[in-house]
Amino acid sequence: MTTLIESSSKLLSGALPGTWELLSRVDVTGSGERRLDPALGDDPIAILIYDRSGHFAAQFMKRDRTTPITDATASAGNNSRAQGGYDAYFGTYSVDDTLGTVTQHLVGALSQENVGDVLTRTMTVEGNNLTIQLRTNSFQGEPILRTLVWRRVG
């Protein structure tokens, strides 16, 4: 049984460290239309870890990898590229408590072109939920807002 931990800090920098599992990942256009990411599907599984020393790791997987998977030809702006229904990257991070953003410096990544990327996301922690938002492009190149909701598991 997992014990949920209430954050000891109202600041993002104090509330963020921990292990998170993905609850939902939704992409919408400026007009509110939902877009599906064929590389990871509409219900991927994922884990995200932020430690207190400034390191992080993220792994995403398409829940059903038994059917053929379409890979993007290159990563979209402010995003990494999945391959074969899987995406993973790790590195260091810094938090801007004033802006509510986290900037990640990718030291390693599944997709070679993502090594060295710097990705900034808006994040909020409320209780045991982490919400991440970022502007990127859909698989077809259309601008979208991606919202990921996570639950603390450690």
C-alpha atoms as a PDB file:
ATOM      1  CA  MET A   1       0.000   0.000   0.000  1.00  0.00           C
ATOM      2  CA  THR A   2       1.406   3.391  -0.987  1.00  0.00           C
ATOM      3  CA  THR A   3       1.457   6.116   1.632  1.00  0.00           C
ATOM      4  CA  LEU A   4       0.726   9.518   0.154  1.00  0.00           C
ATOM      5  CA  ILE A   5       2.878  12.375   1.382  1.00  0.00           C
ATOM      6  CA  GLU A   6       1.574  15.911   1.814  1.00  0.00           C
ATOM      7  CA  SER A   7       4.152  18.461   0.706  1.00  0.00           C
ATOM      8  CA  SER A   8       5.883  20.319   3.500  1.00  0.00           C
ATOM      9  CA  SER A   9       6.244  23.481   1.455  1.00  0.00           C
ATOM     10  CA  LYS A  10       3.881  25.773  -0.390  1.00  0.00           C
ATOM     11  CA  LEU A  11       6.728  26.644  -2.773  1.00  0.00           C
ATOM     12  CA  LEU A  12       7.089  24.556  -5.921  1.00  0.00           C
ATOM     13  CA  SER A  13      10.775  23.943  -5.127  1.00  0.00           C
ATOM     14  CA  GLY A  14       9.816  22.290  -1.828  1.00  0.00           C
ATOM     15  CA  ALA A  15       6.743  20.428  -3.066  1.00  0.00           C
ATOM     16  CA  LEU A  16       8.164  18.996  -6.322  1.00  0.00           C
ATOM     17  CA  PRO A  17      10.772  16.449  -5.131  1.00  0.00           C
ATOM     18  CA  GLY A  18       9.390  12.922  -5.148  1.00  0.00           C
ATOM     19  CA  THR A  19       8.225  10.141  -7.428  1.00  0.00           C
ATOM     20  CA  TRP A  20       5.127  10.715  -9.558  1.00  0.00           C
ATOM     21  CA  GLU A  21       2.965   8.407 -11.689  1.00  0.00           C
ATOM     22  CA  LEU A  22       0.976   9.720 -14.647  1.00  0.00           C
ATOM     23  CA  LEU A  23      -2.792   9.954 -14.298  1.00  0.00           C
ATOM     24  CA  SER A  24      -3.593  11.730 -17.573  1.00  0.00           C
ATOM     25  CA  ARG A  25      -1.969  13.396 -20.588  1.00  0.00           C
ATOM     26  CA  VAL A  26      -4.217  15.579 -22.736  1.00  0.00           C
ATOM     27  CA  ASP A  27      -3.343  17.662 -25.806  1.00  0.00           C
ATOM     28  CA  VAL A  28      -5.729  20.415 -26.954  1.00  0.00           C
ATOM     29  CA  THR A  29      -5.623  22.999 -29.727  1.00  0.00           C
ATOM     30  CA  GLY A  30      -6.205  26.715 -29.191  1.00  0.00           C
ATOM     31  CA  SER A  31      -9.888  26.151 -29.994  1.00  0.00           C
ATOM     32  CA  GLY A  32     -10.140  23.377 -27.382  1.00  0.00           C
ATOM     33  CA  GLU A  33     -10.151  20.390 -29.746  1.00  0.00           C
ATOM     34  CA  ARG A  34      -8.400  17.330 -28.357  1.00  0.00           C
ATOM     35  CA  ARG A  35      -5.528  15.846 -30.366  1.00  0.00           C
ATOM     36  CA  LEU A  36      -4.191  12.290 -30.063  1.00  0.00           C
ATOM     37  CA  ASP A  37      -0.458  11.617 -29.952  1.00  0.00           C
ATOM     38  CA  PRO A  38      -0.059   8.388 -31.960  1.00  0.00           C
ATOM     39  CA  ALA A  39       3.463   7.810 -30.614  1.00  0.00           C
ATOM     40  CA  LEU A  40       2.297   7.404 -26.988  1.00  0.00           C
ATOM     41  CA  GLY A  41      -1.473   6.988 -27.395  1.00  0.00           C
ATOM     42  CA  ASP A  42      -4.262   8.599 -25.429  1.00  0.00           C
ATOM     43  CA  ASP A  43      -3.501   6.780 -22.161  1.00  0.00           C
ATOM     44  CA  PRO A  44       0.285   6.327 -21.729  1.00  0.00           C
ATOM     45  CA  ILE A  45       1.885   5.091 -18.537  1.00  0.00           C
ATOM     46  CA  ALA A  46       4.760   7.070 -17.084  1.00  0.00           C
ATOM     47  CA  ILE A  47       6.934   7.761 -14.085  1.00  0.00           C
ATOM     48  CA  LEU A  48       8.646  11.020 -13.191  1.00  0.00           C
ATOM     49  CA  ILE A  49      11.258  11.459 -10.464  1.00  0.00           C
ATOM     50  CA  TYR A  50      12.658  14.714  -9.055  1.00  0.00           C
ATOM     51  CA  ASP A  51      15.236  14.428  -6.285  1.00  0.00           C
ATOM     52  CA  ARG A  52      16.254  17.102  -3.802  1.00  0.00           C
ATOM     53  CA  SER A  53      19.751  17.465  -5.310  1.00  0.00           C
ATOM     54  CA  GLY A  54      18.416  18.801  -8.628  1.00  0.00           C
ATOM     55  CA  HIS A  55      18.286  15.628 -10.731  1.00  0.00           C
ATOM     56  CA  PHE A  56      15.271  14.199 -12.552  1.00  0.00           C
ATOM     57  CA  ALA A  57      14.283  11.254 -14.743  1.00  0.00           C
ATOM     58  CA  ALA A  58      11.186  10.680 -16.887  1.00  0.00           C
ATOM     59  CA  GLN A  59       9.896   7.611 -18.714  1.00  0.00           C
ATOM     60  CA  PHE A  60       6.757   7.370 -20.858  1.00  0.00           C
ATOM     61  CA  MET A  61       5.325   4.308 -22.615  1.00  0.00           C
ATOM     62  CA  LYS A  62       2.359   3.717 -24.865  1.00  0.00           C
ATOM     63  CA  ARG A  63       0.097   1.428 -22.862  1.00  0.00           C
ATOM     64  CA  ASP A  64      -0.558  -0.919 -25.800  1.00  0.00           C
ATOM     65  CA  ARG A  65       2.582  -1.530 -27.835  1.00  0.00           C
ATOM     66  CA  THR A  66       1.205  -4.605 -29.643  1.00  0.00           C
ATOM     67  CA  THR A  67       0.053  -2.595 -32.673  1.00  0.00           C
ATOM     68  CA  PRO A  68       2.375  -0.730 -35.066  1.00  0.00           C
ATOM     69  CA  ILE A  69       3.563   2.571 -33.613  1.00  0.00           C
ATOM     70  CA  THR A  70       4.139   5.736 -35.595  1.00  0.00           C
ATOM     71  CA  ASP A  71       7.281   7.658 -34.649  1.00  0.00           C
ATOM     72  CA  ALA A  72       7.562  11.386 -35.221  1.00  0.00           C
ATOM     73  CA  THR A  73      10.357  12.326 -37.603  1.00  0.00           C
ATOM     74  CA  ALA A  74      11.747  14.909 -35.167  1.00  0.00           C
ATOM     75  CA  SER A  75      10.882  16.244 -31.760  1.00  0.00           C
ATOM     76  CA  ALA A  76       8.436  19.121 -31.552  1.00  0.00           C
ATOM     77  CA  GLY A  77       9.491  22.384 -29.994  1.00  0.00           C
ATOM     78  CA  ASN A  78       9.754  22.223 -26.182  1.00  0.00           C
ATOM     79  CA  ASN A  79       9.294  18.457 -26.267  1.00  0.00           C
ATOM     80  CA  SER A  80      11.222  15.217 -26.678  1.00  0.00           C
ATOM     81  CA  ARG A  81      10.666  12.477 -29.268  1.00  0.00           C
ATOM     82  CA  ALA A  82       9.282   9.034 -28.521  1.00  0.00           C
ATOM     83  CA  GLN A  83      10.527   5.979 -30.408  1.00  0.00           C
ATOM     84  CA  GLY A  84       8.617   2.720 -30.705  1.00  0.00           C
ATOM     85  CA  GLY A  85       6.018   3.893 -28.202  1.00  0.00           C
ATOM     86  CA  TYR A  86       8.623   4.812 -25.580  1.00  0.00           C
ATOM     87  CA  ASP A  87      10.281   8.030 -24.449  1.00  0.00           C
ATOM     88  CA  ALA A  88      12.852   8.534 -21.710  1.00  0.00           C
ATOM     89  CA  TYR A  89      15.194  11.286 -20.630  1.00  0.00           C
ATOM     90  CA  PHE A  90      17.068  12.487 -17.557  1.00  0.00           C
ATOM     91  CA  GLY A  91      19.239  15.307 -16.342  1.00  0.00           C
ATOM     92  CA  THR A  92      19.173  18.262 -13.983  1.00  0.00           C
ATOM     93  CA  TYR A  93      16.446  20.745 -13.154  1.00  0.00           C
ATOM     94  CA  SER A  94      15.943  24.149 -11.576  1.00  0.00           C
ATOM     95  CA  VAL A  95      12.775  25.716 -10.203  1.00  0.00           C
ATOM     96  CA  ASP A  96      11.590  29.299 -10.527  1.00  0.00           C
ATOM     97  CA  ASP A  97       9.158  29.646  -7.615  1.00  0.00           C
ATOM     98  CA  THR A  98       8.102  33.124  -8.747  1.00  0.00           C
ATOM     99  CA  LEU A  99       7.037  31.980 -12.236  1.00  0.00           C
ATOM    100  CA  GLY A 100       5.955  28.471 -11.192  1.00  0.00           C
ATOM    101  CA  THR A 101       8.210  26.893 -13.812  1.00  0.00           C
ATOM    102  CA  VAL A 102      10.708  24.072 -13.888  1.00  0.00           C
ATOM    103  CA  THR A 103      13.565  24.100 -16.391  1.00  0.00           C
ATOM    104  CA  GLN A 104      15.034  20.696 -17.258  1.00  0.00           C
ATOM    105  CA  HIS A 105      18.465  20.257 -18.841  1.00  0.00           C
ATOM    106  CA  LEU A 106      18.528  16.920 -20.666  1.00  0.00           C
ATOM    107  CA  VAL A 107      21.846  15.152 -20.044  1.00  0.00           C
ATOM    108  CA  GLY A 108      20.622  11.891 -21.561  1.00  0.00           C
ATOM    109  CA  ALA A 109      17.690  10.935 -23.776  1.00  0.00           C
ATOM    110  CA  LEU A 110      16.355   8.014 -25.781  1.00  0.00           C
ATOM    111  CA  SER A 111      16.382  10.185 -28.911  1.00  0.00           C
ATOM    112  CA  GLN A 112      19.885  11.420 -29.666  1.00  0.00           C
ATOM    113  CA  GLU A 113      18.665  14.814 -30.934  1.00  0.00           C
ATOM    114  CA  ASN A 114      17.187  15.570 -27.485  1.00  0.00           C
ATOM    115  CA  VAL A 115      20.488  15.290 -25.593  1.00  0.00           C
ATOM    116  CA  GLY A 116      21.361  18.788 -24.424  1.00  0.00           C
ATOM    117  CA  ASP A 117      17.817  20.165 -24.847  1.00  0.00           C
ATOM    118  CA  VAL A 118      16.469  22.616 -22.295  1.00  0.00           C
ATOM    119  CA  LEU A 119      12.738  22.198 -21.595  1.00  0.00           C
ATOM    120  CA  THR A 120      10.686  24.581 -19.454  1.00  0.00           C
ATOM    121  CA  ARG A 121       7.276  23.677 -18.075  1.00  0.00           C
ATOM    122  CA  THR A 122       4.685  25.392 -15.905  1.00  0.00           C
ATOM    123  CA  MET A 123       4.020  23.237 -12.830  1.00  0.00           C
ATOM    124  CA  THR A 124       1.763  23.293  -9.792  1.00  0.00           C
ATOM    125  CA  VAL A 125       1.568  20.913  -6.852  1.00  0.00           C
ATOM    126  CA  GLU A 126      -1.684  20.685  -4.915  1.00  0.00           C
ATOM    127  CA  GLY A 127      -1.654  18.050  -2.196  1.00  0.00           C
ATOM    128  CA  ASN A 128      -0.458  14.862  -3.866  1.00  0.00           C
ATOM    129  CA  ASN A 129      -1.149  15.997  -7.441  1.00  0.00           C
ATOM    130  CA  LEU A 130       1.324  17.586  -9.842  1.00  0.00           C
ATOM    131  CA  THR A 131       0.025  19.370 -12.938  1.00  0.00           C
ATOM    132  CA  ILE A 132       2.425  20.153 -15.771  1.00  0.00           C
ATOM    133  CA  GLN A 133       1.556  22.307 -18.774  1.00  0.00           C
ATOM    134  CA  LEU A 134       3.599  23.044 -21.872  1.00  0.00           C
ATOM    135  CA  ARG A 135       3.073  24.497 -25.292  1.00  0.00           C
ATOM    136  CA  THR A 136       4.308  22.258 -28.084  1.00  0.00           C
ATOM    137  CA  ASN A 137       3.077  20.900 -31.426  1.00  0.00           C
ATOM    138  CA  SER A 138       0.879  17.926 -32.222  1.00  0.00           C
ATOM    139  CA  PHE A 139       2.148  15.005 -34.277  1.00  0.00           C
ATOM    140  CA  GLN A 140       0.848  16.859 -37.349  1.00  0.00           C
ATOM    141  CA  GLY A 141       2.664  20.096 -36.395  1.00  0.00           C
ATOM    142  CA  GLU A 142      -0.354  21.980 -35.021  1.00  0.00           C
ATOM    143  CA  PRO A 143       0.219  24.158 -31.898  1.00  0.00           C
ATOM    144  CA  ILE A 144      -1.232  22.512 -28.767  1.00  0.00           C
ATOM    145  CA  LEU A 145      -1.320  22.867 -25.017  1.00  0.00           C
ATOM    146  CA  ARG A 146      -0.330  19.612 -23.285  1.00  0.00           C
ATOM    147  CA  THR A 147      -1.539  19.054 -19.734  1.00  0.00           C
ATOM    148  CA  LEU A 148      -0.169  16.178 -17.667  1.00  0.00           C
ATOM    149  CA  VAL A 149      -1.599  15.273 -14.272  1.00  0.00           C
ATOM    150  CA  TRP A 150       0.483  13.129 -11.924  1.00  0.00           C
ATOM    151  CA  ARG A 151      -0.050  11.548  -8.498  1.00  0.00           C
ATOM    152  CA  ARG A 152       2.708  11.359  -5.874  1.00  0.00           C
ATOM    153  CA  VAL A 153       3.698   7.761  -5.125  1.00  0.00           C
ATOM    154  CA  GLY A 154       6.856   8.427  -3.155  1.00  0.00           C
END
